[in-house]
Amino acid sequence: MKESIYRNAAQEQSGAVSRGETMTVQGAINKTFILGAILLATSVWGYTATNPIYMWIGAIGGLIVVLIASFKPNLSPTLAPLYAALEGLFVGAISAIYANFYDGIIFHAVTLTMADLFLMLFLYKSGIIKVTNKFRSGVIMATGAIFVVYLITMVLGFFGINVPYIHDGGPIAIGISLIIVGVASLNLLLDFDNFEKGEQHKAPTYMEWFSAMGLLITLVWLYVEMLRLIAMFSSND
């Protein structure tokens, strides 16, 4: 989600500018609501089906779709709804798993995720936190580091090796989870800024879908981390 993606897309589709077919913030917001509705619909299916296979289908399928979109943003009008549908399966399935062990966890996770979203939107629109190039680089580096930790944990898990302090629910694990929630929250600021950057650079309209998908990626990540964090706090009660 680099600014250069929007700039390059605008340059490649310079003819669209003269026809008024360029990205707008409102257009990206509208696409976000559409993707959210798709995700909600499939998440209900993933939750009620109570089949863990949907979690893997959604997670792996969603990752593949995002990788394709990152190289082919012009396919976003098709890939973004597909991603939302797949992630809905993932969100629904993983929510069902947590709900089996912790009463009310879904309500609390959704409430905290939405509260975080509106808080970060307020901080962004009020100018309290400004998305500068240094800020963006820092958030991207922190996100990359977390991804590496996720990857190592997943690979070692295939061999039955558990990374200490991450999933044990102790104070260190809770602290790590809080840091991850913080980084995910900062990514929301980058997503908001991408909406405006796309409009400023007069990117083509398909970038509205691309930007909306980026925001949805962050929200799903944040929601899952909220589930993990609440579960760890509940286990220590």
Protein backbone atom coordinates (compact mmCIF):
# COMPACT_ATOMS: atom_id res chain seq x y z
CA MET A 1 0.00 0.00 0.00
CA LYS A 2 2.71 2.47 -1.01
CA GLU A 3 1.88 5.95 -2.26
CA SER A 4 3.82 5.12 -5.41
CA ILE A 5 1.16 2.52 -6.30
CA TYR A 6 -1.43 5.28 -6.59
CA ARG A 7 0.94 7.58 -8.45
CA ASN A 8 1.93 4.87 -10.93
CA ALA A 9 -1.68 3.82 -11.45
CA ALA A 10 -2.58 7.43 -12.24
CA GLN A 11 0.25 7.73 -14.74
CA GLU A 12 -0.63 4.48 -16.47
CA GLN A 13 -4.27 5.52 -16.78
CA SER A 14 -3.73 9.20 -17.56
CA GLY A 15 -6.47 9.09 -20.18
CA ALA A 16 -9.03 8.38 -17.48
CA VAL A 17 -8.43 11.76 -15.88
CA SER A 18 -9.88 13.63 -18.82
CA ARG A 19 -13.04 11.54 -18.60
CA GLY A 20 -13.48 12.16 -14.89
CA GLU A 21 -12.99 8.45 -14.10
CA THR A 22 -10.74 8.97 -11.12
CA MET A 23 -10.74 7.76 -7.54
CA THR A 24 -12.49 9.74 -4.81
CA VAL A 25 -12.52 9.37 -1.04
CA GLN A 26 -16.30 8.96 -1.05
CA GLY A 27 -16.04 6.29 -3.70
CA ALA A 28 -13.52 4.36 -1.62
CA ILE A 29 -15.77 4.67 1.43
CA ASN A 30 -18.72 3.32 -0.56
CA LYS A 31 -16.64 0.37 -1.74
CA THR A 32 -15.59 -0.31 1.87
CA PHE A 33 -19.24 -0.62 2.91
CA ILE A 34 -19.90 -3.01 0.04
CA LEU A 35 -16.94 -5.20 1.01
CA GLY A 36 -18.00 -5.05 4.65
CA ALA A 37 -21.48 -6.29 3.73
CA ILE A 38 -20.01 -9.19 1.74
CA LEU A 39 -17.69 -10.12 4.59
CA LEU A 40 -20.56 -9.99 7.09
CA ALA A 41 -22.72 -12.26 4.92
CA THR A 42 -20.07 -14.96 4.47
CA SER A 43 -18.94 -14.68 8.09
CA VAL A 44 -22.43 -15.72 9.18
CA TRP A 45 -22.10 -18.78 6.96
CA GLY A 46 -18.61 -19.55 8.31
CA TYR A 47 -19.85 -19.18 11.88
CA THR A 48 -22.97 -21.33 11.57
CA ALA A 49 -21.26 -24.06 9.52
CA THR A 50 -18.86 -24.69 12.43
CA ASN A 51 -16.31 -26.29 10.12
CA PRO A 52 -12.65 -25.34 10.77
CA ILE A 53 -11.85 -25.99 7.11
CA TYR A 54 -13.52 -22.68 6.27
CA MET A 55 -10.93 -20.91 8.39
CA TRP A 56 -8.11 -22.31 6.26
CA ILE A 57 -9.95 -21.77 2.99
CA GLY A 58 -10.57 -18.14 3.93
CA ALA A 59 -7.07 -17.48 5.25
CA ILE A 60 -5.10 -19.11 2.44
CA GLY A 61 -7.50 -18.04 -0.30
CA GLY A 62 -7.55 -14.47 1.00
CA LEU A 63 -3.74 -14.35 1.09
CA ILE A 64 -3.52 -15.53 -2.53
CA VAL A 65 -6.06 -12.93 -3.64
CA VAL A 66 -4.20 -10.13 -1.86
CA LEU A 67 -0.89 -11.17 -3.44
CA ILE A 68 -2.46 -11.12 -6.90
CA ALA A 69 -4.05 -7.72 -6.25
CA SER A 70 -0.73 -6.27 -5.07
CA PHE A 71 0.77 -7.04 -8.50
CA LYS A 72 -2.41 -6.41 -10.50
CA PRO A 73 -4.33 -3.56 -8.80
CA ASN A 74 -6.44 -3.13 -11.94
CA LEU A 75 -8.12 -6.45 -11.11
CA SER A 76 -9.29 -5.10 -7.74
CA PRO A 77 -12.96 -4.63 -8.78
CA THR A 78 -13.11 -8.43 -9.03
CA LEU A 79 -10.50 -9.45 -6.46
CA ALA A 80 -11.69 -7.17 -3.63
CA PRO A 81 -15.21 -8.71 -3.37
CA LEU A 82 -13.64 -12.17 -3.65
CA TYR A 83 -11.25 -11.33 -0.82
CA ALA A 84 -14.12 -10.06 1.33
CA ALA A 85 -16.07 -13.28 0.76
CA LEU A 86 -13.08 -15.47 1.64
CA GLU A 87 -12.17 -13.45 4.71
CA GLY A 88 -15.76 -13.66 5.85
CA LEU A 89 -15.39 -17.45 5.96
CA PHE A 90 -12.19 -17.04 7.94
CA VAL A 91 -13.65 -14.53 10.38
CA GLY A 92 -16.81 -16.57 10.91
CA ALA A 93 -14.95 -19.83 11.48
CA ILE A 94 -12.35 -18.43 13.86
CA SER A 95 -15.05 -16.51 15.75
CA ALA A 96 -16.96 -19.77 16.24
CA ILE A 97 -13.84 -21.43 17.66
CA TYR A 98 -13.27 -18.66 20.20
CA ALA A 99 -16.99 -18.46 21.06
CA ASN A 100 -16.93 -22.11 22.10
CA PHE A 101 -14.51 -21.28 24.89
CA TYR A 102 -15.33 -17.69 25.85
CA ASP A 103 -18.86 -16.36 26.26
CA GLY A 104 -19.50 -12.93 24.78
CA ILE A 105 -16.05 -12.68 23.19
CA ILE A 106 -17.38 -11.87 19.72
CA PHE A 107 -19.42 -8.91 20.95
CA HIS A 108 -16.48 -7.50 22.87
CA ALA A 109 -14.05 -8.02 19.99
CA VAL A 110 -16.36 -6.35 17.47
CA THR A 111 -17.06 -3.46 19.86
CA LEU A 112 -13.37 -2.87 20.55
CA THR A 113 -12.48 -3.09 16.85
CA MET A 114 -15.13 -0.54 15.87
CA ALA A 115 -14.15 1.74 18.76
CA ASP A 116 -10.53 1.54 17.64
CA LEU A 117 -11.54 2.33 14.06
CA PHE A 118 -13.44 5.48 15.02
CA LEU A 119 -10.75 6.58 17.47
CA MET A 120 -8.03 6.33 14.82
CA LEU A 121 -10.29 8.09 12.30
CA PHE A 122 -10.75 10.95 14.79
CA LEU A 123 -7.00 11.16 15.42
CA TYR A 124 -6.37 11.24 11.67
CA LYS A 125 -9.04 13.76 10.69
CA SER A 126 -8.20 16.07 13.60
CA GLY A 127 -4.55 16.10 12.63
CA ILE A 128 -3.41 14.88 16.05
CA ILE A 129 -1.46 12.16 14.25
CA LYS A 130 -0.09 13.08 10.83
CA VAL A 131 0.91 10.43 8.32
CA THR A 132 4.34 11.57 7.20
CA ASN A 133 6.79 9.57 5.12
CA LYS A 134 8.79 8.69 8.24
CA PHE A 135 5.64 7.64 10.06
CA ARG A 136 4.55 5.48 7.14
CA SER A 137 7.99 3.85 6.88
CA GLY A 138 8.04 3.12 10.60
CA VAL A 139 4.60 1.49 10.58
CA ILE A 140 5.46 -0.58 7.51
CA MET A 141 8.70 -1.80 9.14
CA ALA A 142 6.88 -2.73 12.35
CA THR A 143 4.19 -4.54 10.36
CA GLY A 144 6.84 -6.44 8.42
CA ALA A 145 8.53 -7.52 11.65
CA ILE A 146 5.21 -8.84 12.99
CA PHE A 147 4.63 -10.72 9.75
CA VAL A 148 8.02 -12.41 10.12
CA VAL A 149 7.10 -13.48 13.66
CA TYR A 150 3.77 -14.85 12.40
CA LEU A 151 5.56 -16.76 9.64
CA ILE A 152 8.16 -18.26 11.96
CA THR A 153 5.49 -19.26 14.47
CA MET A 154 3.40 -20.92 11.74
CA VAL A 155 6.33 -22.82 10.23
CA LEU A 156 7.55 -24.06 13.61
CA GLY A 157 3.98 -25.02 14.50
CA PHE A 158 3.93 -27.48 11.60
CA PHE A 159 6.77 -29.29 13.34
CA GLY A 160 5.08 -29.23 16.73
CA ILE A 161 7.32 -26.49 18.09
CA ASN A 162 5.65 -23.71 20.08
CA VAL A 163 7.33 -20.32 20.20
CA PRO A 164 7.56 -19.34 23.90
CA TYR A 165 5.78 -16.28 25.36
CA ILE A 166 3.48 -15.75 22.36
CA HIS A 167 0.52 -18.08 22.96
CA ASP A 168 0.88 -18.99 26.63
CA GLY A 169 -1.45 -16.21 27.86
CA GLY A 170 1.09 -14.86 30.34
CA PRO A 171 2.04 -11.21 30.91
CA ILE A 172 4.65 -11.28 28.13
CA ALA A 173 2.15 -12.74 25.64
CA ILE A 174 -0.42 -10.10 26.59
CA GLY A 175 2.20 -7.39 26.17
CA ILE A 176 3.14 -8.69 22.72
CA SER A 177 -0.52 -8.85 21.73
CA LEU A 178 -1.04 -5.25 22.89
CA ILE A 179 1.90 -4.13 20.76
CA ILE A 180 0.45 -5.94 17.74
CA VAL A 181 -2.94 -4.32 18.33
CA GLY A 182 -1.17 -0.96 18.48
CA VAL A 183 0.64 -1.53 15.19
CA ALA A 184 -2.57 -2.74 13.54
CA SER A 185 -4.30 0.43 14.76
CA LEU A 186 -1.56 2.59 13.25
CA ASN A 187 -2.08 0.78 9.95
CA LEU A 188 -5.61 2.19 9.94
CA LEU A 189 -4.06 5.65 9.65
CA LEU A 190 -2.15 4.55 6.56
CA ASP A 191 -5.39 3.21 5.08
CA PHE A 192 -7.19 6.51 5.69
CA ASP A 193 -4.28 8.37 4.12
CA ASN A 194 -4.35 6.08 1.09
CA PHE A 195 -7.94 7.13 0.44
CA GLU A 196 -6.84 10.76 0.24
CA LYS A 197 -3.62 10.04 -1.65
CA GLY A 198 -5.57 8.18 -4.31
CA GLU A 199 -7.86 11.14 -4.83
CA GLN A 200 -4.96 13.62 -4.83
CA HIS A 201 -3.05 11.65 -7.45
CA LYS A 202 -6.21 11.19 -9.54
CA ALA A 203 -5.78 7.44 -9.52
CA PRO A 204 -8.23 5.43 -11.67
CA THR A 205 -11.49 4.34 -10.09
CA TYR A 206 -10.42 0.72 -9.67
CA MET A 207 -8.08 1.96 -6.94
CA GLU A 208 -11.18 2.62 -4.83
CA TRP A 209 -11.62 -1.16 -4.60
CA PHE A 210 -7.92 -1.61 -3.96
CA SER A 211 -7.97 0.94 -1.12
CA ALA A 212 -11.15 -0.47 0.39
CA MET A 213 -9.58 -3.92 0.38
CA GLY A 214 -6.55 -2.51 2.20
CA LEU A 215 -8.75 -1.10 4.96
CA LEU A 216 -10.64 -4.39 5.23
CA ILE A 217 -7.35 -6.30 5.57
CA THR A 218 -6.39 -4.13 8.52
CA LEU A 219 -9.80 -4.45 10.17
CA VAL A 220 -9.76 -8.25 9.92
CA TRP A 221 -6.24 -8.34 11.37
CA LEU A 222 -7.26 -6.02 14.19
CA TYR A 223 -10.40 -8.05 14.96
CA VAL A 224 -8.48 -11.33 15.17
CA GLU A 225 -5.90 -9.76 17.48
CA MET A 226 -8.72 -8.44 19.65
CA LEU A 227 -10.07 -11.99 19.89
CA ARG A 228 -6.66 -13.27 20.98
CA LEU A 229 -6.16 -10.48 23.49
CA ILE A 230 -9.58 -10.86 25.09
CA ALA A 231 -9.09 -14.64 25.26
CA MET A 232 -5.79 -14.21 27.07
CA PHE A 233 -7.29 -11.79 29.58
CA SER A 234 -10.24 -14.15 30.11
CA SER A 235 -7.90 -17.10 30.70
CA ASN A 236 -6.15 -15.20 33.48
CA ASP A 237 -9.37 -14.38 35.35
